[in-house]
C-alpha atoms as a PDB file:
ATOM      1  CA  MET A   1     -11.183  10.599 -21.450  1.00  0.00           C
ATOM      2  CA  LYS A   2      -8.638  10.315 -18.633  1.00  0.00           C
ATOM      3  CA  HIS A   3      -9.733  11.597 -15.244  1.00  0.00           C
ATOM      4  CA  LYS A   4      -7.698  13.927 -13.096  1.00  0.00           C
ATOM      5  CA  SER A   5      -5.326  12.130 -10.744  1.00  0.00           C
ATOM      6  CA  PHE A   6      -5.964  12.656  -7.042  1.00  0.00           C
ATOM      7  CA  GLY A   7      -2.860  10.723  -5.974  1.00  0.00           C
ATOM      8  CA  ASN A   8      -0.739  13.791  -5.237  1.00  0.00           C
ATOM      9  CA  MET A   9      -3.402  15.802  -3.407  1.00  0.00           C
ATOM     10  CA  GLN A  10      -2.925  16.156   0.342  1.00  0.00           C
ATOM     11  CA  CYS A  11      -6.510  15.163   1.069  1.00  0.00           C
ATOM     12  CA  PRO A  12      -6.712  11.555   2.367  1.00  0.00           C
ATOM     13  CA  ILE A  13     -10.195  11.223   0.869  1.00  0.00           C
ATOM     14  CA  ALA A  14      -8.890  12.215  -2.576  1.00  0.00           C
ATOM     15  CA  ARG A  15      -5.952   9.822  -2.251  1.00  0.00           C
ATOM     16  CA  SER A  16      -8.306   7.010  -1.240  1.00  0.00           C
ATOM     17  CA  LEU A  17     -10.581   7.758  -4.181  1.00  0.00           C
ATOM     18  CA  GLU A  18      -7.546   7.471  -6.465  1.00  0.00           C
ATOM     19  CA  ARG A  19      -7.391   3.803  -5.410  1.00  0.00           C
ATOM     20  CA  VAL A  20     -11.050   2.811  -4.965  1.00  0.00           C
ATOM     21  CA  GLY A  21     -13.154   5.671  -6.362  1.00  0.00           C
ATOM     22  CA  GLU A  22     -14.195   3.903  -9.545  1.00  0.00           C
ATOM     23  CA  TRP A  23     -17.424   2.014  -8.794  1.00  0.00           C
ATOM     24  CA  TRP A  24     -16.253  -1.286 -10.264  1.00  0.00           C
ATOM     25  CA  SER A  25     -13.333  -1.260  -7.823  1.00  0.00           C
ATOM     26  CA  ILE A  26     -15.625  -1.004  -4.812  1.00  0.00           C
ATOM     27  CA  LEU A  27     -17.867  -3.780  -6.150  1.00  0.00           C
ATOM     28  CA  ILE A  28     -14.838  -6.019  -6.815  1.00  0.00           C
ATOM     29  CA  LEU A  29     -13.688  -5.448  -3.228  1.00  0.00           C
ATOM     30  CA  ARG A  30     -17.210  -6.208  -1.988  1.00  0.00           C
ATOM     31  CA  ASP A  31     -17.152  -9.476  -3.907  1.00  0.00           C
ATOM     32  CA  ALA A  32     -13.660 -10.313  -2.599  1.00  0.00           C
ATOM     33  CA  PHE A  33     -15.018  -9.906   0.951  1.00  0.00           C
ATOM     34  CA  ASN A  34     -17.810 -12.271  -0.041  1.00  0.00           C
ATOM     35  CA  GLY A  35     -15.242 -14.911  -0.972  1.00  0.00           C
ATOM     36  CA  LEU A  36     -14.820 -14.466  -4.715  1.00  0.00           C
ATOM     37  CA  LYS A  37     -11.232 -14.860  -5.928  1.00  0.00           C
ATOM     38  CA  ARG A  38     -11.150 -15.746  -9.582  1.00  0.00           C
ATOM     39  CA  PHE A  39     -11.533 -13.627 -12.701  1.00  0.00           C
ATOM     40  CA  ASP A  40     -14.500 -15.624 -13.998  1.00  0.00           C
ATOM     41  CA  GLU A  41     -16.260 -15.406 -10.610  1.00  0.00           C
ATOM     42  CA  PHE A  42     -15.961 -11.602 -10.572  1.00  0.00           C
ATOM     43  CA  GLN A  43     -17.023 -11.362 -14.211  1.00  0.00           C
ATOM     44  CA  THR A  44     -20.062 -13.596 -13.756  1.00  0.00           C
ATOM     45  CA  ASN A  45     -21.202 -11.921 -10.544  1.00  0.00           C
ATOM     46  CA  LEU A  46     -20.730  -8.341 -11.767  1.00  0.00           C
ATOM     47  CA  GLY A  47     -21.567  -8.709 -15.461  1.00  0.00           C
ATOM     48  CA  ILE A  48     -18.489  -6.587 -16.188  1.00  0.00           C
ATOM     49  CA  ALA A  49     -16.665  -6.561 -19.529  1.00  0.00           C
ATOM     50  CA  PRO A  50     -13.435  -8.603 -19.435  1.00  0.00           C
ATOM     51  CA  ALA A  51     -11.231  -5.660 -20.475  1.00  0.00           C
ATOM     52  CA  MET A  52     -12.694  -3.442 -17.733  1.00  0.00           C
ATOM     53  CA  LEU A  53     -12.315  -6.194 -15.126  1.00  0.00           C
ATOM     54  CA  THR A  54      -8.694  -6.716 -16.171  1.00  0.00           C
ATOM     55  CA  ARG A  55      -7.982  -2.977 -15.729  1.00  0.00           C
ATOM     56  CA  ARG A  56      -9.747  -2.736 -12.381  1.00  0.00           C
ATOM     57  CA  LEU A  57      -8.047  -5.860 -10.968  1.00  0.00           C
ATOM     58  CA  LYS A  58      -4.645  -4.545 -12.093  1.00  0.00           C
ATOM     59  CA  ALA A  59      -5.361  -1.174 -10.443  1.00  0.00           C
ATOM     60  CA  LEU A  60      -6.392  -2.871  -7.181  1.00  0.00           C
ATOM     61  CA  VAL A  61      -3.246  -5.017  -7.238  1.00  0.00           C
ATOM     62  CA  ASP A  62      -1.097  -1.947  -8.010  1.00  0.00           C
ATOM     63  CA  ALA A  63      -2.761  -0.093  -5.100  1.00  0.00           C
ATOM     64  CA  GLY A  64      -1.912  -2.963  -2.749  1.00  0.00           C
ATOM     65  CA  LEU A  65      -5.536  -3.903  -2.028  1.00  0.00           C
ATOM     66  CA  LEU A  66      -5.429  -7.279  -3.768  1.00  0.00           C
ATOM     67  CA  GLU A  67      -2.627  -9.781  -4.399  1.00  0.00           C
ATOM     68  CA  LYS A  68      -2.486 -11.857  -7.564  1.00  0.00           C
ATOM     69  CA  HIS A  69      -1.650 -15.545  -7.029  1.00  0.00           C
ATOM     70  CA  ARG A  70      -1.205 -18.159  -9.753  1.00  0.00           C
ATOM     71  CA  TYR A  71      -3.305 -21.223  -8.979  1.00  0.00           C
ATOM     72  CA  SER A  72      -2.842 -23.046 -12.301  1.00  0.00           C
ATOM     73  CA  GLU A  73       0.090 -23.157 -14.712  1.00  0.00           C
ATOM     74  CA  HIS A  74      -1.657 -25.049 -17.542  1.00  0.00           C
ATOM     75  CA  PRO A  75      -3.639 -23.091 -18.495  1.00  0.00           C
ATOM     76  CA  PRO A  76      -2.271 -20.077 -16.600  1.00  0.00           C
ATOM     77  CA  ARG A  77      -4.916 -18.904 -14.120  1.00  0.00           C
ATOM     78  CA  ASP A  78      -4.736 -16.398 -11.282  1.00  0.00           C
ATOM     79  CA  GLU A  79      -6.787 -15.638  -8.213  1.00  0.00           C
ATOM     80  CA  TYR A  80      -7.027 -12.362  -6.369  1.00  0.00           C
ATOM     81  CA  LEU A  81      -6.793 -12.261  -2.587  1.00  0.00           C
ATOM     82  CA  LEU A  82      -7.322  -9.362  -0.202  1.00  0.00           C
ATOM     83  CA  THR A  83      -4.163  -7.930   1.327  1.00  0.00           C
ATOM     84  CA  PRO A  84      -4.086  -6.462   4.851  1.00  0.00           C
ATOM     85  CA  ARG A  85      -4.637  -3.039   3.218  1.00  0.00           C
ATOM     86  CA  GLY A  86      -7.592  -4.457   1.317  1.00  0.00           C
ATOM     87  CA  ARG A  87      -9.040  -6.053   4.471  1.00  0.00           C
ATOM     88  CA  ASP A  88      -8.822  -2.660   6.188  1.00  0.00           C
ATOM     89  CA  PHE A  89     -11.389  -1.448   3.632  1.00  0.00           C
ATOM     90  CA  GLN A  90     -14.138  -3.630   5.144  1.00  0.00           C
ATOM     91  CA  PRO A  91     -15.401  -1.004   7.631  1.00  0.00           C
ATOM     92  CA  VAL A  92     -15.701   1.460   4.727  1.00  0.00           C
ATOM     93  CA  LEU A  93     -17.852  -1.032   2.821  1.00  0.00           C
ATOM     94  CA  ILE A  94     -19.992  -1.673   5.890  1.00  0.00           C
ATOM     95  CA  ALA A  95     -20.433   2.077   6.441  1.00  0.00           C
ATOM     96  CA  LEU A  96     -21.406   2.522   2.779  1.00  0.00           C
ATOM     97  CA  MET A  97     -23.881  -0.355   3.060  1.00  0.00           C
ATOM     98  CA  ALA A  98     -25.446   1.093   6.232  1.00  0.00           C
ATOM     99  CA  TRP A  99     -25.721   4.525   4.616  1.00  0.00           C
ATOM    100  CA  GLY A 100     -27.325   2.978   1.529  1.00  0.00           C
ATOM    101  CA  ASN A 101     -29.753   0.969   3.690  1.00  0.00           C
ATOM    102  CA  ALA A 102     -30.735   4.137   5.566  1.00  0.00           C
ATOM    103  CA  HIS A 103     -31.290   6.317   2.498  1.00  0.00           C
ATOM    104  CA  PHE A 104     -31.747   4.335  -0.722  1.00  0.00           C
ATOM    105  CA  THR A 105     -33.773   1.187  -0.002  1.00  0.00           C
ATOM    106  CA  PRO A 106     -37.486   2.037  -0.146  1.00  0.00           C
ATOM    107  CA  GLU A 107     -38.201  -1.691  -0.572  1.00  0.00           C
ATOM    108  CA  GLY A 108     -36.287  -2.505   2.634  1.00  0.00           C
ATOM    109  CA  LYS A 109     -32.825  -3.744   3.479  1.00  0.00           C
ATOM    110  CA  SER A 110     -31.535  -6.569   1.296  1.00  0.00           C
ATOM    111  CA  VAL A 111     -28.226  -7.030   3.160  1.00  0.00           C
ATOM    112  CA  ILE A 112     -27.532  -6.380   6.841  1.00  0.00           C
ATOM    113  CA  VAL A 113     -24.745  -7.000   9.339  1.00  0.00           C
ATOM    114  CA  VAL A 114     -25.648  -9.300  12.219  1.00  0.00           C
ATOM    115  CA  ASP A 115     -24.007 -10.345  15.465  1.00  0.00           C
ATOM    116  CA  THR A 116     -23.431 -14.072  14.868  1.00  0.00           C
ATOM    117  CA  ARG A 117     -23.724 -14.782  18.599  1.00  0.00           C
ATOM    118  CA  THR A 118     -27.184 -13.265  18.999  1.00  0.00           C
ATOM    119  CA  GLY A 119     -28.529 -12.994  15.462  1.00  0.00           C
ATOM    120  CA  ARG A 120     -29.381  -9.356  16.137  1.00  0.00           C
ATOM    121  CA  GLU A 121     -28.870  -6.752  13.450  1.00  0.00           C
ATOM    122  CA  ALA A 122     -25.850  -4.546  14.095  1.00  0.00           C
ATOM    123  CA  GLU A 123     -26.095  -0.786  13.792  1.00  0.00           C
ATOM    124  CA  PRO A 124     -22.803   0.207  12.151  1.00  0.00           C
ATOM    125  CA  VAL A 125     -21.415   3.539  13.352  1.00  0.00           C
ATOM    126  CA  MET A 126     -17.888   4.876  13.365  1.00  0.00           C
ATOM    127  CA  VAL A 127     -16.608   5.641  16.841  1.00  0.00           C
ATOM    128  CA  ASP A 128     -13.501   7.099  18.380  1.00  0.00           C
ATOM    129  CA  ARG A 129     -11.536   4.238  19.912  1.00  0.00           C
ATOM    130  CA  ALA A 130     -10.424   6.292  22.942  1.00  0.00           C
ATOM    131  CA  SER A 131     -13.753   7.833  23.978  1.00  0.00           C
ATOM    132  CA  GLY A 132     -16.245   5.457  22.399  1.00  0.00           C
ATOM    133  CA  LEU A 133     -18.188   8.445  21.083  1.00  0.00           C
ATOM    134  CA  PRO A 134     -19.621   8.310  17.557  1.00  0.00           C
ATOM    135  CA  LEU A 135     -17.592  10.440  15.160  1.00  0.00           C
ATOM    136  CA  SER A 136     -20.809  12.264  14.236  1.00  0.00           C
ATOM    137  CA  ASP A 137     -20.796  13.792  17.752  1.00  0.00           C
ATOM    138  CA  PRO A 138     -20.273  17.570  17.577  1.00  0.00           C
ATOM    139  CA  VAL A 139     -17.173  17.336  19.806  1.00  0.00           C
ATOM    140  CA  PHE A 140     -15.255  16.099  16.763  1.00  0.00           C
ATOM    141  CA  ARG A 141     -14.059  18.235  13.864  1.00  0.00           C
ATOM    142  CA  LYS A 142     -11.414  17.951  11.174  1.00  0.00           C
ATOM    143  CA  MET A 143      -8.134  19.782  11.719  1.00  0.00           C
ATOM    144  CA  PRO A 144      -4.850  19.889   9.844  1.00  0.00           C
ATOM    145  CA  GLY A 145      -2.545  16.995  10.666  1.00  0.00           C
ATOM    146  CA  PRO A 146       1.192  17.062  11.228  1.00  0.00           C
ATOM    147  CA  ALA A 147       1.962  16.605   7.506  1.00  0.00           C
ATOM    148  CA  ALA A 148      -0.512  19.259   6.306  1.00  0.00           C
ATOM    149  CA  ASP A 149       0.733  21.775   3.770  1.00  0.00           C
ATOM    150  CA  GLU A 150      -0.198  25.455   4.025  1.00  0.00           C
ATOM    151  CA  ARG A 151      -3.277  25.115   1.775  1.00  0.00           C
ATOM    152  CA  THR A 152      -4.614  22.249   3.912  1.00  0.00           C
ATOM    153  CA  ARG A 153      -3.892  24.191   7.103  1.00  0.00           C
ATOM    154  CA  ARG A 154      -5.891  27.147   5.772  1.00  0.00           C
ATOM    155  CA  ARG A 155      -8.808  24.921   4.732  1.00  0.00           C
ATOM    156  CA  HIS A 156      -8.998  23.004   8.013  1.00  0.00           C
ATOM    157  CA  GLY A 157      -7.600  25.502  10.496  1.00  0.00           C
ATOM    158  CA  GLY A 158     -10.950  26.835  11.633  1.00  0.00           C
ATOM    159  CA  ARG A 159     -11.035  29.865   9.339  1.00  0.00           C
ATOM    160  CA  PRO A 160     -13.544  30.035   6.501  1.00  0.00           C
ATOM    161  CA  ALA A 161     -11.901  29.355   3.133  1.00  0.00           C
ATOM    162  CA  THR A 162     -11.586  32.226   0.688  1.00  0.00           C
ATOM    163  CA  ARG A 163     -12.887  31.901  -2.872  1.00  0.00           C
ATOM    164  CA  GLU A 164      -9.386  31.144  -4.199  1.00  0.00           C
ATOM    165  CA  GLN A 165      -8.816  28.446  -1.572  1.00  0.00           C
ATOM    166  CA  ARG A 166     -12.068  26.710  -2.579  1.00  0.00           C
ATOM    167  CA  GLN A 167     -11.016  26.544  -6.245  1.00  0.00           C
END
């Protein structure tokens, strides 16, 4: 069953999910950040079926998150490297990891981020670059951006959405 495409929606979250919303994609990106590059490395680490891995790698290449590079001609073998767009996904992975550590690890944290200079555990939060305030601060709210269509303006313009707008 084919899922609905989010690629043409105005919502940046929906458009991002179109590229990385399938769980294998996020785990492949996680593994790429951990240094894996080759098909067999991803397959072994994830325990993913070859056909599924082929589809997910192609989708990540098509989305510009990974680049495919031939490292052997005989036999033909490729490796997959993070692109600048793919590397920009790292803070999202770290935020997801921190959220998971805070809410879904009753046995304790199995992976953390540390400051390599001090060895201290980092506390990942998203902050506004200009003010330094965490984005969870109540001074921040979503608003329509310059490219927002009328539906997006209604949804994020400060007025409660009507039933038809929510559908």
